Amino acid sequence: MFTPALFEDPQYGTCIRIHVAGGSTHAQDWVTLAQCASAVADGYVYIDRFSAIELRGIKDAEALNQQLQELQLRATAMPVLASPLSAEAKQTAQNIAAELEAAEGGPGIAVIAHDDVPTGAAAVSLSIDGDGALRLERSPLGDAPSATLTPQAAAHHYEEALQGAESLEHNASDLAEPGPIGWLDQHLPAGIVDLGAGVHRGAIPAEFAQLIGQLEVDITVTPWGGLVFHNIAEGDAEVVLRVLAPRGFIFDINSPLLRAE
């Protein structure tokens, strides 16, 4: 059962922050989030760095909790990051998150494929080699680099790091760049693309969150606070661009709106 952790913000009131394991969400998740934002929050779904989703201005925490039980995504108490373009990395992140469900709070753990998630963004960093082996690259415990781990061992290692240090903090500045944006097809079969999008100030109106849920594609919330829409036929992708671009989704890596506050 998913139990949201509520917190108070002086500007937005009662809020919830959901760390999504590997950033992986399903279309129906966005329909559910849109319904929550409309019914019991301020009307927006917010996305942020470390693959996080927020709802703000919550008016009825009990009703929200009931609605959130419909989410299919795996939520964690701390960020578990993965390359948004690697299905293998995202699955590994979910496996580690499953092992970490009993942990409470703490900094991020990064599962990194193709070196595209900065290692400084997390207290513990991992990589996946060409054979699918999970290797420890960075750790506050000072273990030798490239130690091979299972997801269970990675989760245990992280919990030991939490117990063995007074403060382990992830570095948000390492995720200042926008991440994958635009037409992404080099990692996919011919005729299929992913679409990477930024969102100005991370705020998605509930009606647009409902809209992207109706696309019926898997959507990744990236470590950089963007979205990737997955496995779309090229012709359909052109339509998606035309529909979403006027609604605040940014597909131009050079857009100043990606960095505007």
C-alpha atoms as a PDB file:
ATOM      1  CA  MET A   1       0.000   0.000   0.000  1.00  0.00           C
ATOM      2  CA  PHE A   2       1.383   3.389  -0.991  1.00  0.00           C
ATOM      3  CA  THR A   3       1.459   5.843   1.915  1.00  0.00           C
ATOM      4  CA  PRO A   4       2.348   9.419   0.912  1.00  0.00           C
ATOM      5  CA  ALA A   5       4.674  11.450   3.114  1.00  0.00           C
ATOM      6  CA  LEU A   6       3.091  14.890   3.514  1.00  0.00           C
ATOM      7  CA  PHE A   7       5.071  18.019   4.291  1.00  0.00           C
ATOM      8  CA  GLU A   8       4.289  21.692   4.775  1.00  0.00           C
ATOM      9  CA  ASP A   9       5.670  24.357   2.470  1.00  0.00           C
ATOM     10  CA  PRO A  10       5.351  28.055   3.420  1.00  0.00           C
ATOM     11  CA  GLN A  11       4.401  28.967  -0.155  1.00  0.00           C
ATOM     12  CA  TYR A  12       2.345  25.986  -1.324  1.00  0.00           C
ATOM     13  CA  GLY A  13       0.836  24.611   1.883  1.00  0.00           C
ATOM     14  CA  THR A  14       0.488  20.853   2.328  1.00  0.00           C
ATOM     15  CA  CYS A  15       2.434  18.910  -0.312  1.00  0.00           C
ATOM     16  CA  ILE A  16       3.504  15.412  -1.229  1.00  0.00           C
ATOM     17  CA  ARG A  17       6.735  14.467  -3.002  1.00  0.00           C
ATOM     18  CA  ILE A  18       6.901  11.092  -4.747  1.00  0.00           C
ATOM     19  CA  HIS A  19      10.321   9.696  -5.673  1.00  0.00           C
ATOM     20  CA  VAL A  20       9.701   7.417  -8.661  1.00  0.00           C
ATOM     21  CA  ALA A  21      12.083   4.442  -8.844  1.00  0.00           C
ATOM     22  CA  GLY A  22      14.018   4.763 -12.092  1.00  0.00           C
ATOM     23  CA  GLY A  23      11.548   7.480 -13.081  1.00  0.00           C
ATOM     24  CA  SER A  24       9.305   4.801 -14.617  1.00  0.00           C
ATOM     25  CA  THR A  25       5.593   5.581 -14.874  1.00  0.00           C
ATOM     26  CA  HIS A  26       2.676   4.188 -16.841  1.00  0.00           C
ATOM     27  CA  ALA A  27       0.032   6.091 -18.773  1.00  0.00           C
ATOM     28  CA  GLN A  28      -2.624   5.402 -16.136  1.00  0.00           C
ATOM     29  CA  ASP A  29      -0.404   6.959 -13.456  1.00  0.00           C
ATOM     30  CA  TRP A  30      -0.792  10.343 -15.166  1.00  0.00           C
ATOM     31  CA  VAL A  31      -4.556   9.976 -15.335  1.00  0.00           C
ATOM     32  CA  THR A  32      -4.568   9.255 -11.595  1.00  0.00           C
ATOM     33  CA  LEU A  33      -2.219  12.149 -10.833  1.00  0.00           C
ATOM     34  CA  ALA A  34      -4.365  14.501 -12.916  1.00  0.00           C
ATOM     35  CA  GLN A  35      -7.458  13.445 -11.001  1.00  0.00           C
ATOM     36  CA  CYS A  36      -5.658  14.011  -7.690  1.00  0.00           C
ATOM     37  CA  ALA A  37      -4.392  17.431  -8.761  1.00  0.00           C
ATOM     38  CA  SER A  38      -7.877  18.518  -9.835  1.00  0.00           C
ATOM     39  CA  ALA A  39      -9.831  17.091  -6.927  1.00  0.00           C
ATOM     40  CA  VAL A  40      -7.667  17.623  -3.847  1.00  0.00           C
ATOM     41  CA  ALA A  41      -4.625  19.767  -4.813  1.00  0.00           C
ATOM     42  CA  ASP A  42      -3.900  23.053  -6.595  1.00  0.00           C
ATOM     43  CA  GLY A  43      -4.641  21.803 -10.094  1.00  0.00           C
ATOM     44  CA  TYR A  44      -1.073  21.032 -11.193  1.00  0.00           C
ATOM     45  CA  VAL A  45       1.238  18.021 -11.280  1.00  0.00           C
ATOM     46  CA  TYR A  46       4.831  19.137 -10.648  1.00  0.00           C
ATOM     47  CA  ILE A  47       7.980  17.321 -11.783  1.00  0.00           C
ATOM     48  CA  ASP A  48      11.439  17.970 -10.385  1.00  0.00           C
ATOM     49  CA  ARG A  49      14.998  16.722 -10.414  1.00  0.00           C
ATOM     50  CA  PHE A  50      15.787  13.305  -8.935  1.00  0.00           C
ATOM     51  CA  SER A  51      12.806  11.834 -10.852  1.00  0.00           C
ATOM     52  CA  ALA A  52      10.333  13.357  -8.425  1.00  0.00           C
ATOM     53  CA  ILE A  53       6.635  14.196  -8.739  1.00  0.00           C
ATOM     54  CA  GLU A  54       4.892  16.630  -6.393  1.00  0.00           C
ATOM     55  CA  LEU A  55       1.317  17.604  -5.638  1.00  0.00           C
ATOM     56  CA  ARG A  56       0.891  20.908  -3.808  1.00  0.00           C
ATOM     57  CA  GLY A  57      -1.833  22.771  -1.982  1.00  0.00           C
ATOM     58  CA  ILE A  58      -3.460  19.531  -0.809  1.00  0.00           C
ATOM     59  CA  LYS A  59      -6.920  20.116   0.657  1.00  0.00           C
ATOM     60  CA  ASP A  60      -7.893  16.597   1.755  1.00  0.00           C
ATOM     61  CA  ALA A  61      -5.018  14.272   2.678  1.00  0.00           C
ATOM     62  CA  GLU A  62      -7.256  11.277   3.333  1.00  0.00           C
ATOM     63  CA  ALA A  63      -8.974  11.537  -0.053  1.00  0.00           C
ATOM     64  CA  LEU A  64      -5.589  11.971  -1.720  1.00  0.00           C
ATOM     65  CA  ASN A  65      -4.246   8.857  -0.034  1.00  0.00           C
ATOM     66  CA  GLN A  66      -7.189   6.831  -1.301  1.00  0.00           C
ATOM     67  CA  GLN A  67      -6.741   8.051  -4.871  1.00  0.00           C
ATOM     68  CA  LEU A  68      -2.986   7.445  -4.863  1.00  0.00           C
ATOM     69  CA  GLN A  69      -3.548   3.740  -4.238  1.00  0.00           C
ATOM     70  CA  GLU A  70      -4.351   3.512  -7.960  1.00  0.00           C
ATOM     71  CA  LEU A  71      -0.776   4.432  -8.934  1.00  0.00           C
ATOM     72  CA  GLN A  72       1.158   1.668 -10.660  1.00  0.00           C
ATOM     73  CA  LEU A  73       4.567   3.325 -10.294  1.00  0.00           C
ATOM     74  CA  ARG A  74       7.009   2.257  -7.581  1.00  0.00           C
ATOM     75  CA  ALA A  75       7.490   5.057  -5.067  1.00  0.00           C
ATOM     76  CA  THR A  76      10.512   5.184  -2.765  1.00  0.00           C
ATOM     77  CA  ALA A  77      11.483   7.154   0.323  1.00  0.00           C
ATOM     78  CA  MET A  78      14.652   8.395  -1.408  1.00  0.00           C
ATOM     79  CA  PRO A  79      15.669   8.894  -5.046  1.00  0.00           C
ATOM     80  CA  VAL A  80      16.659   5.763  -6.961  1.00  0.00           C
ATOM     81  CA  LEU A  81      17.862   7.130 -10.299  1.00  0.00           C
ATOM     82  CA  ALA A  82      18.429   5.522 -13.680  1.00  0.00           C
ATOM     83  CA  SER A  83      19.264   6.418 -17.232  1.00  0.00           C
ATOM     84  CA  PRO A  84      15.900   7.371 -18.807  1.00  0.00           C
ATOM     85  CA  LEU A  85      16.859   5.785 -22.155  1.00  0.00           C
ATOM     86  CA  SER A  86      17.939   2.407 -20.760  1.00  0.00           C
ATOM     87  CA  ALA A  87      15.199  -0.110 -19.981  1.00  0.00           C
ATOM     88  CA  GLU A  88      17.821  -2.276 -18.258  1.00  0.00           C
ATOM     89  CA  ALA A  89      18.924   0.536 -15.962  1.00  0.00           C
ATOM     90  CA  LYS A  90      15.358   1.420 -15.054  1.00  0.00           C
ATOM     91  CA  GLN A  91      14.501  -2.187 -14.263  1.00  0.00           C
ATOM     92  CA  THR A  92      17.616  -2.438 -12.088  1.00  0.00           C
ATOM     93  CA  ALA A  93      16.544   0.736 -10.271  1.00  0.00           C
ATOM     94  CA  GLN A  94      13.154  -0.826  -9.579  1.00  0.00           C
ATOM     95  CA  ASN A  95      14.808  -4.016  -8.302  1.00  0.00           C
ATOM     96  CA  ILE A  96      16.973  -2.005  -5.916  1.00  0.00           C
ATOM     97  CA  ALA A  97      13.977   0.094  -4.850  1.00  0.00           C
ATOM     98  CA  ALA A  98      12.089  -3.076  -3.978  1.00  0.00           C
ATOM     99  CA  GLU A  99      14.927  -4.026  -1.640  1.00  0.00           C
ATOM    100  CA  LEU A 100      14.907  -0.552  -0.094  1.00  0.00           C
ATOM    101  CA  GLU A 101      11.214  -0.348   0.720  1.00  0.00           C
ATOM    102  CA  ALA A 102      11.855  -0.644   4.445  1.00  0.00           C
ATOM    103  CA  ALA A 103      14.406   2.195   4.465  1.00  0.00           C
ATOM    104  CA  GLU A 104      13.290   5.616   5.681  1.00  0.00           C
ATOM    105  CA  GLY A 105      14.458   8.867   4.102  1.00  0.00           C
ATOM    106  CA  GLY A 106      18.027   9.592   3.136  1.00  0.00           C
ATOM    107  CA  PRO A 107      19.918  10.691   0.038  1.00  0.00           C
ATOM    108  CA  GLY A 108      19.894   9.321  -3.483  1.00  0.00           C
ATOM    109  CA  ILE A 109      21.309   6.181  -4.961  1.00  0.00           C
ATOM    110  CA  ALA A 110      22.044   6.308  -8.694  1.00  0.00           C
ATOM    111  CA  VAL A 111      21.875   3.451 -11.148  1.00  0.00           C
ATOM    112  CA  ILE A 112      23.820   4.710 -14.157  1.00  0.00           C
ATOM    113  CA  ALA A 113      23.842   3.375 -17.703  1.00  0.00           C
ATOM    114  CA  HIS A 114      26.019   4.845 -20.463  1.00  0.00           C
ATOM    115  CA  ASP A 115      27.421   7.388 -17.969  1.00  0.00           C
ATOM    116  CA  ASP A 116      24.586   9.829 -18.648  1.00  0.00           C
ATOM    117  CA  VAL A 117      23.541  10.406 -15.039  1.00  0.00           C
ATOM    118  CA  PRO A 118      26.238  12.435 -13.219  1.00  0.00           C
ATOM    119  CA  THR A 119      27.811  10.380 -10.436  1.00  0.00           C
ATOM    120  CA  GLY A 120      27.947  13.386  -8.128  1.00  0.00           C
ATOM    121  CA  ALA A 121      24.158  13.475  -8.049  1.00  0.00           C
ATOM    122  CA  ALA A 122      23.984  10.576  -5.574  1.00  0.00           C
ATOM    123  CA  ALA A 123      25.608   9.304  -2.412  1.00  0.00           C
ATOM    124  CA  VAL A 124      26.088   5.877  -3.977  1.00  0.00           C
ATOM    125  CA  SER A 125      26.616   5.436  -7.721  1.00  0.00           C
ATOM    126  CA  LEU A 126      26.441   2.291  -9.826  1.00  0.00           C
ATOM    127  CA  SER A 127      26.953   1.417 -13.473  1.00  0.00           C
ATOM    128  CA  ILE A 128      25.804  -1.440 -15.692  1.00  0.00           C
ATOM    129  CA  ASP A 129      28.448  -2.976 -17.937  1.00  0.00           C
ATOM    130  CA  GLY A 130      27.994  -4.587 -21.341  1.00  0.00           C
ATOM    131  CA  ASP A 131      27.264  -7.958 -19.758  1.00  0.00           C
ATOM    132  CA  GLY A 132      24.544  -6.541 -17.519  1.00  0.00           C
ATOM    133  CA  ALA A 133      26.651  -6.699 -14.350  1.00  0.00           C
ATOM    134  CA  LEU A 134      25.965  -4.062 -11.707  1.00  0.00           C
ATOM    135  CA  ARG A 135      29.152  -2.365 -10.510  1.00  0.00           C
ATOM    136  CA  LEU A 136      29.807  -0.001  -7.649  1.00  0.00           C
ATOM    137  CA  GLU A 137      31.481   3.178  -8.911  1.00  0.00           C
ATOM    138  CA  ARG A 138      31.186   5.641  -6.034  1.00  0.00           C
ATOM    139  CA  SER A 139      30.501   5.097  -2.332  1.00  0.00           C
ATOM    140  CA  PRO A 140      30.951   7.020   0.932  1.00  0.00           C
ATOM    141  CA  LEU A 141      32.102   3.757   2.517  1.00  0.00           C
ATOM    142  CA  GLY A 142      35.288   3.868   0.455  1.00  0.00           C
ATOM    143  CA  ASP A 143      34.869   0.450  -1.181  1.00  0.00           C
ATOM    144  CA  ALA A 144      37.089  -0.387  -4.135  1.00  0.00           C
ATOM    145  CA  PRO A 145      35.666   0.902  -7.444  1.00  0.00           C
ATOM    146  CA  SER A 146      33.899  -1.474  -9.822  1.00  0.00           C
ATOM    147  CA  ALA A 147      32.916  -3.987  -7.162  1.00  0.00           C
ATOM    148  CA  THR A 148      30.249  -6.254  -8.683  1.00  0.00           C
ATOM    149  CA  LEU A 149      26.921  -6.214  -6.827  1.00  0.00           C
ATOM    150  CA  THR A 150      23.459  -7.741  -6.994  1.00  0.00           C
ATOM    151  CA  PRO A 151      20.475  -5.402  -6.492  1.00  0.00           C
ATOM    152  CA  GLN A 152      20.096  -6.907  -3.020  1.00  0.00           C
ATOM    153  CA  ALA A 153      23.741  -6.203  -2.206  1.00  0.00           C
ATOM    154  CA  ALA A 154      23.467  -2.678  -3.613  1.00  0.00           C
ATOM    155  CA  ALA A 155      20.485  -1.953  -1.362  1.00  0.00           C
ATOM    156  CA  HIS A 156      22.293  -3.420   1.657  1.00  0.00           C
ATOM    157  CA  HIS A 157      25.387  -1.368   0.852  1.00  0.00           C
ATOM    158  CA  TYR A 158      23.298   1.790   0.692  1.00  0.00           C
ATOM    159  CA  GLU A 159      21.662   1.090   4.049  1.00  0.00           C
ATOM    160  CA  GLU A 160      25.118   0.552   5.567  1.00  0.00           C
ATOM    161  CA  ALA A 161      26.210   3.893   4.140  1.00  0.00           C
ATOM    162  CA  LEU A 162      23.218   5.573   5.775  1.00  0.00           C
ATOM    163  CA  GLN A 163      24.082   4.026   9.141  1.00  0.00           C
ATOM    164  CA  GLY A 164      27.788   4.764   8.851  1.00  0.00           C
ATOM    165  CA  ALA A 165      27.657   8.470   8.074  1.00  0.00           C
ATOM    166  CA  GLU A 166      26.090  11.434   9.798  1.00  0.00           C
ATOM    167  CA  SER A 167      25.097  13.108   6.543  1.00  0.00           C
ATOM    168  CA  LEU A 168      24.936  11.831   2.984  1.00  0.00           C
ATOM    169  CA  GLU A 169      23.497  14.359   0.565  1.00  0.00           C
ATOM    170  CA  HIS A 170      22.880  14.208  -3.137  1.00  0.00           C
ATOM    171  CA  ASN A 171      24.192  17.115  -5.181  1.00  0.00           C
ATOM    172  CA  ALA A 172      21.382  18.801  -7.118  1.00  0.00           C
ATOM    173  CA  SER A 173      23.817  21.036  -8.993  1.00  0.00           C
ATOM    174  CA  ASP A 174      25.050  17.977 -10.915  1.00  0.00           C
ATOM    175  CA  LEU A 175      21.590  17.771 -12.481  1.00  0.00           C
ATOM    176  CA  ALA A 176      21.401  21.397 -13.610  1.00  0.00           C
ATOM    177  CA  GLU A 177      21.381  20.554 -17.317  1.00  0.00           C
ATOM    178  CA  PRO A 178      18.035  19.599 -18.900  1.00  0.00           C
ATOM    179  CA  GLY A 179      18.857  15.981 -19.826  1.00  0.00           C
ATOM    180  CA  PRO A 180      17.540  14.246 -22.975  1.00  0.00           C
ATOM    181  CA  ILE A 181      15.299  16.609 -24.940  1.00  0.00           C
ATOM    182  CA  GLY A 182      13.797  16.319 -28.418  1.00  0.00           C
ATOM    183  CA  TRP A 183      13.693  13.516 -30.979  1.00  0.00           C
ATOM    184  CA  LEU A 184      15.575  10.518 -29.529  1.00  0.00           C
ATOM    185  CA  ASP A 185      16.008   7.567 -31.863  1.00  0.00           C
ATOM    186  CA  GLN A 186      19.632   6.415 -31.883  1.00  0.00           C
ATOM    187  CA  HIS A 187      18.972   3.712 -29.273  1.00  0.00           C
ATOM    188  CA  LEU A 188      15.800   2.370 -30.949  1.00  0.00           C
ATOM    189  CA  PRO A 189      14.831   0.332 -34.034  1.00  0.00           C
ATOM    190  CA  ALA A 190      14.173   2.228 -37.259  1.00  0.00           C
ATOM    191  CA  GLY A 191      10.794   3.955 -37.320  1.00  0.00           C
ATOM    192  CA  ILE A 192      10.459   4.156 -33.521  1.00  0.00           C
ATOM    193  CA  VAL A 193      11.410   7.178 -31.402  1.00  0.00           C
ATOM    194  CA  ASP A 194      11.376   8.473 -27.863  1.00  0.00           C
ATOM    195  CA  LEU A 195      10.440  12.107 -27.293  1.00  0.00           C
ATOM    196  CA  GLY A 196      12.240  14.008 -24.529  1.00  0.00           C
ATOM    197  CA  ALA A 197      10.446  17.048 -23.114  1.00  0.00           C
ATOM    198  CA  GLY A 198      11.142  19.711 -20.568  1.00  0.00           C
ATOM    199  CA  VAL A 199       8.367  21.485 -18.685  1.00  0.00           C
ATOM    200  CA  HIS A 200       8.632  25.188 -17.846  1.00  0.00           C
ATOM    201  CA  ARG A 201       9.049  25.469 -14.060  1.00  0.00           C
ATOM    202  CA  GLY A 202       8.055  21.807 -13.840  1.00  0.00           C
ATOM    203  CA  ALA A 203       4.338  22.647 -13.613  1.00  0.00           C
ATOM    204  CA  ILE A 204       1.875  20.556 -15.652  1.00  0.00           C
ATOM    205  CA  PRO A 205      -1.807  21.608 -15.487  1.00  0.00           C
ATOM    206  CA  ALA A 206      -4.038  18.702 -14.525  1.00  0.00           C
ATOM    207  CA  GLU A 207      -5.789  18.716 -17.914  1.00  0.00           C
ATOM    208  CA  PHE A 208      -2.418  18.289 -19.662  1.00  0.00           C
ATOM    209  CA  ALA A 209      -1.359  15.534 -17.247  1.00  0.00           C
ATOM    210  CA  GLN A 210      -4.612  13.816 -18.208  1.00  0.00           C
ATOM    211  CA  LEU A 211      -3.756  14.361 -21.869  1.00  0.00           C
ATOM    212  CA  ILE A 212      -0.330  12.708 -21.689  1.00  0.00           C
ATOM    213  CA  GLY A 213      -1.901   9.802 -19.833  1.00  0.00           C
ATOM    214  CA  GLN A 214      -4.257   9.351 -22.752  1.00  0.00           C
ATOM    215  CA  LEU A 215      -1.266   8.894 -25.102  1.00  0.00           C
ATOM    216  CA  GLU A 216      -1.058   5.368 -23.638  1.00  0.00           C
ATOM    217  CA  VAL A 217       2.747   5.216 -23.714  1.00  0.00           C
ATOM    218  CA  ASP A 218       5.214   4.668 -20.896  1.00  0.00           C
ATOM    219  CA  ILE A 219       6.645   7.943 -19.557  1.00  0.00           C
ATOM    220  CA  THR A 220       9.887   8.393 -17.640  1.00  0.00           C
ATOM    221  CA  VAL A 221      10.418  11.270 -15.205  1.00  0.00           C
ATOM    222  CA  THR A 222      14.115  11.935 -15.756  1.00  0.00           C
ATOM    223  CA  PRO A 223      16.738  12.698 -13.089  1.00  0.00           C
ATOM    224  CA  TRP A 224      16.932  16.187 -14.633  1.00  0.00           C
ATOM    225  CA  GLY A 225      13.241  16.885 -14.057  1.00  0.00           C
ATOM    226  CA  GLY A 226      12.031  16.283 -17.614  1.00  0.00           C
ATOM    227  CA  LEU A 227       9.878  13.639 -19.287  1.00  0.00           C
ATOM    228  CA  VAL A 228      10.580  11.005 -21.934  1.00  0.00           C
ATOM    229  CA  PHE A 229       7.682   9.529 -23.916  1.00  0.00           C
ATOM    230  CA  HIS A 230       8.695   6.067 -25.075  1.00  0.00           C
ATOM    231  CA  ASN A 231       8.443   3.887 -28.169  1.00  0.00           C
ATOM    232  CA  ILE A 232       6.312   6.014 -30.468  1.00  0.00           C
ATOM    233  CA  ALA A 233       6.039   5.398 -34.218  1.00  0.00           C
ATOM    234  CA  GLU A 234       7.652   8.266 -36.141  1.00  0.00           C
ATOM    235  CA  GLY A 235       4.383   9.392 -37.733  1.00  0.00           C
ATOM    236  CA  ASP A 236       2.608   9.386 -34.385  1.00  0.00           C
ATOM    237  CA  ALA A 237       5.522  11.238 -32.795  1.00  0.00           C
ATOM    238  CA  GLU A 238       5.002  14.140 -35.199  1.00  0.00           C
ATOM    239  CA  VAL A 239       1.396  14.370 -34.029  1.00  0.00           C
ATOM    240  CA  VAL A 240       2.425  14.214 -30.365  1.00  0.00           C
ATOM    241  CA  LEU A 241       4.855  17.084 -30.910  1.00  0.00           C
ATOM    242  CA  ARG A 242       2.185  19.216 -32.544  1.00  0.00           C
ATOM    243  CA  VAL A 243      -0.242  18.525 -29.703  1.00  0.00           C
ATOM    244  CA  LEU A 244       2.103  18.944 -26.734  1.00  0.00           C
ATOM    245  CA  ALA A 245       4.437  21.764 -27.834  1.00  0.00           C
ATOM    246  CA  PRO A 246       1.725  24.478 -27.603  1.00  0.00           C
ATOM    247  CA  ARG A 247       0.813  23.182 -24.146  1.00  0.00           C
ATOM    248  CA  GLY A 248       4.083  23.964 -22.403  1.00  0.00           C
ATOM    249  CA  PHE A 249       6.086  20.834 -23.200  1.00  0.00           C
ATOM    250  CA  ILE A 250       9.512  21.888 -24.476  1.00  0.00           C
ATOM    251  CA  PHE A 251      11.191  19.782 -27.171  1.00  0.00           C
ATOM    252  CA  ASP A 252      13.991  22.227 -28.061  1.00  0.00           C
ATOM    253  CA  ILE A 253      17.217  21.626 -26.100  1.00  0.00           C
ATOM    254  CA  ASN A 254      18.189  25.264 -26.677  1.00  0.00           C
ATOM    255  CA  SER A 255      14.976  26.788 -25.360  1.00  0.00           C
ATOM    256  CA  PRO A 256      15.644  29.422 -22.658  1.00  0.00           C
ATOM    257  CA  LEU A 257      12.481  28.238 -20.932  1.00  0.00           C
ATOM    258  CA  LEU A 258      14.306  25.073 -19.863  1.00  0.00           C
ATOM    259  CA  ARG A 259      16.508  27.152 -17.578  1.00  0.00           C
ATOM    260  CA  ALA A 260      14.125  29.988 -16.706  1.00  0.00           C
ATOM    261  CA  GLU A 261      12.973  30.218 -13.119  1.00  0.00           C
END
